């Protein structure tokens, strides 16, 4: 293939492949209420993360029961780190309150994060923390307490709207009426 044919070929491939990727929108309280989805229907929705989520916890010396996370040394301390990258797909596990939801991005017991509507950002579903200290939140993950830091924006849930906004139409043809 010559150079003049390569550029258009690459451009066409990019356009074709971008059509296959989901168009993500932020999951919000309004979308949740308008959808009126049951817990079973929520299990059919594919969720995604809007930003990277990095969970960290310090490991005490002598405690080395790490299974899935990575162990890193930070300032001479052992730290377990779990990274959930932007765009990672997740599934609904359960409701944790009226509107808060547990979303899992990997399989395993209690490996989920809680998201819920945040009034400060227009009711968008954001990562919930048990406790906040400035821009650091504490969460329970797999039965352990981890800390995450909000750098720019708090991580939110996203969904591919085209998959859940299909219109269900019930139609029939009127047979007509005749004069008696």
Foldseek 3Di string as FASTA:
>chain_A
DDPVVVVVVVVVVVVVVVVVDFDKDFAFPVNCVVLVDDLVVQQVFKKWKQAKWKWKDWDDPPDDPDDPFDWDADPNTTMTIDIRGGGQIWGWDAAPDPFKTWIASDDDPQATFIWFFDVVVPGTTFTDAPDDDPQKGWDAGRNDIIITGDDDDTMGMMGRVVVRPDDDDDDDDDPDDDDD
